Amino acid sequence: MASVLAGDGITISGDPVAAVYVGSSQDATSFPIGHIVTADCVATPVRNAAVTLRLSATAAYYVDGGAGTVLSGTWRSRGEQQSSTNKIYQRTA
């Protein structure tokens, strides 16, 4: 039987099958698989490329370089806004 608890996501027979991030910390680095973020990036990765994302120094956005704390998991490029350094990334693992 499926069940849903706030912040815990959806489970079937006790096994997680979907989760939603419900936190509010500006320093969070762990998000559920499927989570999407935009990042200010110098490089323009090809579609579906794996990229290391980090917290920015200003706590306003994520970046693809620098010395900020790395986001956990595998993040893949999902596109960009035209003529912009803002790229779209999705956590896939």
N, C-alpha and C. Protein backbone atom coordinates (compact mmCIF):
# COMPACT_ATOMS: atom_id res chain seq x y z
N MET A 1 0.84 -1.17 0.00
CA MET A 1 0.00 0.00 0.00
C MET A 1 0.89 1.24 0.00
N ALA A 2 0.56 2.23 -0.80
CA ALA A 2 1.32 3.48 -0.87
C ALA A 2 0.94 4.39 0.28
N SER A 3 1.91 5.15 0.77
CA SER A 3 1.63 6.12 1.83
C SER A 3 2.46 7.37 1.58
N VAL A 4 1.95 8.50 2.08
CA VAL A 4 2.65 9.77 1.93
C VAL A 4 2.71 10.45 3.29
N LEU A 5 3.90 10.83 3.71
CA LEU A 5 4.11 11.60 4.92
C LEU A 5 4.84 12.88 4.55
N ALA A 6 4.45 13.99 5.13
CA ALA A 6 5.07 15.28 4.80
C ALA A 6 6.58 15.19 4.92
N GLY A 7 7.27 15.53 3.84
CA GLY A 7 8.73 15.55 3.84
C GLY A 7 9.39 14.21 3.61
N ASP A 8 8.63 13.12 3.76
CA ASP A 8 9.20 11.79 3.59
C ASP A 8 9.00 11.24 2.20
N GLY A 9 8.12 11.85 1.42
CA GLY A 9 7.87 11.38 0.07
C GLY A 9 6.88 10.24 0.05
N ILE A 10 6.86 9.53 -1.05
CA ILE A 10 5.92 8.43 -1.26
C ILE A 10 6.66 7.12 -1.07
N THR A 11 6.03 6.20 -0.35
CA THR A 11 6.63 4.88 -0.16
C THR A 11 5.63 3.81 -0.58
N ILE A 12 6.15 2.69 -1.02
CA ILE A 12 5.35 1.50 -1.29
C ILE A 12 5.95 0.38 -0.47
N SER A 13 5.16 -0.18 0.41
CA SER A 13 5.63 -1.23 1.32
C SER A 13 6.87 -0.78 2.10
N GLY A 14 6.91 0.50 2.44
CA GLY A 14 8.01 1.03 3.24
C GLY A 14 9.23 1.46 2.45
N ASP A 15 9.26 1.19 1.14
CA ASP A 15 10.40 1.57 0.30
C ASP A 15 10.12 2.91 -0.37
N PRO A 16 11.06 3.87 -0.31
CA PRO A 16 10.83 5.17 -0.94
C PRO A 16 10.80 5.07 -2.46
N VAL A 17 9.82 5.72 -3.08
CA VAL A 17 9.75 5.74 -4.54
C VAL A 17 9.73 7.16 -5.09
N ALA A 18 9.47 8.13 -4.24
CA ALA A 18 9.48 9.53 -4.65
C ALA A 18 9.66 10.41 -3.42
N ALA A 19 10.42 11.48 -3.58
CA ALA A 19 10.63 12.40 -2.47
C ALA A 19 10.59 13.83 -2.99
N VAL A 20 10.26 14.74 -2.10
CA VAL A 20 10.21 16.16 -2.41
C VAL A 20 11.00 16.90 -1.35
N TYR A 21 11.87 17.80 -1.76
CA TYR A 21 12.64 18.60 -0.80
C TYR A 21 11.71 19.60 -0.15
N VAL A 22 11.63 19.59 1.18
CA VAL A 22 10.76 20.51 1.91
C VAL A 22 11.56 21.40 2.86
N GLY A 23 12.87 21.35 2.77
CA GLY A 23 13.72 22.14 3.65
C GLY A 23 13.75 23.61 3.27
N SER A 24 14.43 24.39 4.10
CA SER A 24 14.52 25.83 3.83
C SER A 24 15.93 26.38 4.05
N SER A 25 16.90 25.53 4.26
CA SER A 25 18.27 25.98 4.51
C SER A 25 18.93 26.49 3.23
N GLN A 26 19.53 27.66 3.29
CA GLN A 26 20.26 28.20 2.13
C GLN A 26 21.53 27.42 1.87
N ASP A 27 21.96 26.60 2.82
CA ASP A 27 23.19 25.83 2.68
C ASP A 27 22.95 24.35 2.39
N ALA A 28 21.73 23.99 2.04
CA ALA A 28 21.42 22.58 1.74
C ALA A 28 22.23 22.11 0.54
N THR A 29 22.75 20.90 0.62
CA THR A 29 23.52 20.33 -0.48
C THR A 29 22.99 18.97 -0.93
N SER A 30 21.97 18.46 -0.25
CA SER A 30 21.42 17.16 -0.60
C SER A 30 19.95 17.31 -0.98
N PHE A 31 19.63 16.93 -2.20
CA PHE A 31 18.28 17.05 -2.72
C PHE A 31 17.85 15.70 -3.28
N PRO A 32 16.55 15.44 -3.36
CA PRO A 32 16.10 14.15 -3.89
C PRO A 32 16.38 14.03 -5.39
N ILE A 33 16.49 12.80 -5.84
CA ILE A 33 16.65 12.54 -7.27
C ILE A 33 15.44 13.12 -8.00
N GLY A 34 15.70 13.80 -9.11
CA GLY A 34 14.65 14.45 -9.88
C GLY A 34 14.56 15.94 -9.60
N HIS A 35 15.21 16.41 -8.52
CA HIS A 35 15.18 17.83 -8.16
C HIS A 35 15.86 18.65 -9.26
N ILE A 36 15.34 19.84 -9.53
CA ILE A 36 15.88 20.71 -10.57
C ILE A 36 16.35 22.02 -9.95
N VAL A 37 17.53 22.49 -10.38
CA VAL A 37 18.05 23.80 -9.98
C VAL A 37 18.57 24.53 -11.21
N THR A 38 18.68 25.84 -11.10
CA THR A 38 19.41 26.60 -12.11
C THR A 38 20.73 27.01 -11.50
N ALA A 39 21.73 27.15 -12.32
CA ALA A 39 23.06 27.51 -11.83
C ALA A 39 23.69 28.53 -12.75
N ASP A 40 24.46 29.44 -12.17
CA ASP A 40 25.22 30.42 -12.93
C ASP A 40 26.52 29.75 -13.33
N CYS A 41 26.70 29.52 -14.62
CA CYS A 41 27.82 28.71 -15.08
C CYS A 41 28.67 29.43 -16.12
N VAL A 42 29.96 29.23 -16.01
CA VAL A 42 30.90 29.77 -16.99
C VAL A 42 30.89 28.91 -18.24
N ALA A 43 30.92 27.60 -18.05
CA ALA A 43 30.95 26.66 -19.18
C ALA A 43 29.54 26.43 -19.71
N THR A 44 29.46 25.97 -20.94
CA THR A 44 28.18 25.57 -21.51
C THR A 44 28.25 24.08 -21.80
N PRO A 45 27.80 23.26 -20.87
CA PRO A 45 27.89 21.82 -21.07
C PRO A 45 26.91 21.35 -22.14
N VAL A 46 27.25 20.25 -22.79
CA VAL A 46 26.33 19.67 -23.76
C VAL A 46 25.14 19.07 -23.03
N ARG A 47 24.05 18.86 -23.75
CA ARG A 47 22.87 18.28 -23.12
C ARG A 47 23.20 16.96 -22.45
N ASN A 48 22.66 16.80 -21.26
CA ASN A 48 22.78 15.58 -20.46
C ASN A 48 24.17 15.32 -19.88
N ALA A 49 25.09 16.28 -20.02
CA ALA A 49 26.42 16.11 -19.44
C ALA A 49 26.34 16.19 -17.92
N ALA A 50 27.17 15.39 -17.26
CA ALA A 50 27.27 15.45 -15.80
C ALA A 50 28.15 16.64 -15.41
N VAL A 51 27.70 17.39 -14.40
CA VAL A 51 28.42 18.60 -13.97
C VAL A 51 28.48 18.63 -12.45
N THR A 52 29.59 19.11 -11.91
CA THR A 52 29.72 19.30 -10.47
C THR A 52 29.19 20.69 -10.13
N LEU A 53 28.14 20.74 -9.31
CA LEU A 53 27.56 22.01 -8.88
C LEU A 53 27.97 22.31 -7.45
N ARG A 54 28.09 23.59 -7.15
CA ARG A 54 28.51 24.04 -5.83
C ARG A 54 27.62 25.16 -5.33
N LEU A 55 27.64 25.37 -4.02
CA LEU A 55 26.97 26.54 -3.45
C LEU A 55 27.80 27.76 -3.82
N SER A 56 27.14 28.85 -4.17
CA SER A 56 27.87 30.08 -4.48
C SER A 56 28.25 30.78 -3.18
N ALA A 57 29.16 31.71 -3.27
CA ALA A 57 29.60 32.46 -2.09
C ALA A 57 28.52 33.39 -1.57
N THR A 58 27.56 33.77 -2.40
CA THR A 58 26.55 34.75 -2.00
C THR A 58 25.26 34.13 -1.47
N ALA A 59 25.11 32.83 -1.51
CA ALA A 59 23.90 32.12 -1.07
C ALA A 59 22.69 32.45 -1.92
N ALA A 60 22.90 33.04 -3.09
CA ALA A 60 21.77 33.39 -3.95
C ALA A 60 21.58 32.38 -5.08
N TYR A 61 22.60 31.59 -5.38
CA TYR A 61 22.50 30.68 -6.52
C TYR A 61 23.56 29.59 -6.41
N TYR A 62 23.52 28.68 -7.38
CA TYR A 62 24.51 27.60 -7.48
C TYR A 62 25.46 27.93 -8.62
N VAL A 63 26.67 27.36 -8.58
CA VAL A 63 27.68 27.63 -9.60
C VAL A 63 28.37 26.33 -10.02
N ASP A 64 29.08 26.40 -11.15
CA ASP A 64 29.80 25.21 -11.63
C ASP A 64 31.30 25.28 -11.37
N GLY A 65 31.73 26.22 -10.57
CA GLY A 65 33.15 26.34 -10.26
C GLY A 65 33.34 27.02 -8.92
N GLY A 66 34.57 27.31 -8.59
CA GLY A 66 34.85 27.98 -7.34
C GLY A 66 35.13 27.02 -6.21
N ALA A 67 35.05 27.54 -4.99
CA ALA A 67 35.42 26.75 -3.82
C ALA A 67 34.24 26.42 -2.93
N GLY A 68 33.02 26.67 -3.39
CA GLY A 68 31.84 26.39 -2.57
C GLY A 68 31.65 24.90 -2.34
N THR A 69 30.82 24.58 -1.36
CA THR A 69 30.51 23.19 -1.04
C THR A 69 29.79 22.52 -2.21
N VAL A 70 30.22 21.32 -2.54
CA VAL A 70 29.66 20.57 -3.68
C VAL A 70 28.29 20.00 -3.32
N LEU A 71 27.34 20.08 -4.25
CA LEU A 71 26.04 19.43 -4.06
C LEU A 71 26.22 17.93 -4.21
N SER A 72 25.55 17.17 -3.38
CA SER A 72 25.68 15.72 -3.44
C SER A 72 24.93 15.16 -4.64
N GLY A 73 25.37 14.00 -5.10
CA GLY A 73 24.70 13.33 -6.19
C GLY A 73 25.25 13.69 -7.56
N THR A 74 24.61 13.14 -8.58
CA THR A 74 24.97 13.42 -9.97
C THR A 74 23.97 14.41 -10.54
N TRP A 75 24.49 15.50 -11.10
CA TRP A 75 23.65 16.54 -11.71
C TRP A 75 23.92 16.57 -13.20
N ARG A 76 22.86 16.60 -14.00
CA ARG A 76 23.00 16.60 -15.45
C ARG A 76 22.38 17.84 -16.07
N SER A 77 23.04 18.32 -17.12
CA SER A 77 22.59 19.50 -17.84
C SER A 77 21.26 19.20 -18.54
N ARG A 78 20.32 20.13 -18.42
CA ARG A 78 19.02 19.98 -19.08
C ARG A 78 18.69 21.16 -19.98
N GLY A 79 19.66 22.04 -20.22
CA GLY A 79 19.43 23.16 -21.13
C GLY A 79 19.84 24.48 -20.50
N GLU A 80 19.53 25.56 -21.22
CA GLU A 80 19.88 26.89 -20.75
C GLU A 80 18.89 27.91 -21.25
N GLN A 81 18.93 29.09 -20.63
CA GLN A 81 18.16 30.21 -21.14
C GLN A 81 19.00 30.85 -22.23
N GLN A 82 18.39 31.21 -23.32
CA GLN A 82 19.13 31.76 -24.45
C GLN A 82 19.95 32.97 -24.04
N SER A 83 21.21 33.01 -24.49
CA SER A 83 22.14 34.11 -24.22
C SER A 83 22.27 34.38 -22.73
N SER A 84 22.33 33.34 -21.94
CA SER A 84 22.41 33.49 -20.50
C SER A 84 23.43 32.53 -19.92
N THR A 85 23.97 32.89 -18.76
CA THR A 85 24.86 31.97 -18.06
C THR A 85 24.05 31.05 -17.15
N ASN A 86 22.74 31.25 -17.08
CA ASN A 86 21.89 30.39 -16.26
C ASN A 86 21.58 29.09 -16.99
N LYS A 87 22.00 28.00 -16.38
CA LYS A 87 21.77 26.67 -16.94
C LYS A 87 20.80 25.91 -16.04
N ILE A 88 20.13 24.91 -16.61
CA ILE A 88 19.18 24.09 -15.86
C ILE A 88 19.81 22.72 -15.62
N TYR A 89 19.75 22.24 -14.38
CA TYR A 89 20.32 20.96 -14.01
C TYR A 89 19.31 20.14 -13.23
N GLN A 90 19.42 18.82 -13.39
CA GLN A 90 18.55 17.89 -12.68
C GLN A 90 19.40 16.83 -11.99
N ARG A 91 19.04 16.54 -10.74
CA ARG A 91 19.75 15.47 -10.03
C ARG A 91 19.24 14.13 -10.54
N THR A 92 20.18 13.29 -11.00
CA THR A 92 19.79 12.00 -11.59
C THR A 92 20.27 10.80 -10.78
N ALA A 93 21.16 11.00 -9.84
CA ALA A 93 21.64 9.89 -9.00
C ALA A 93 22.23 10.46 -7.72
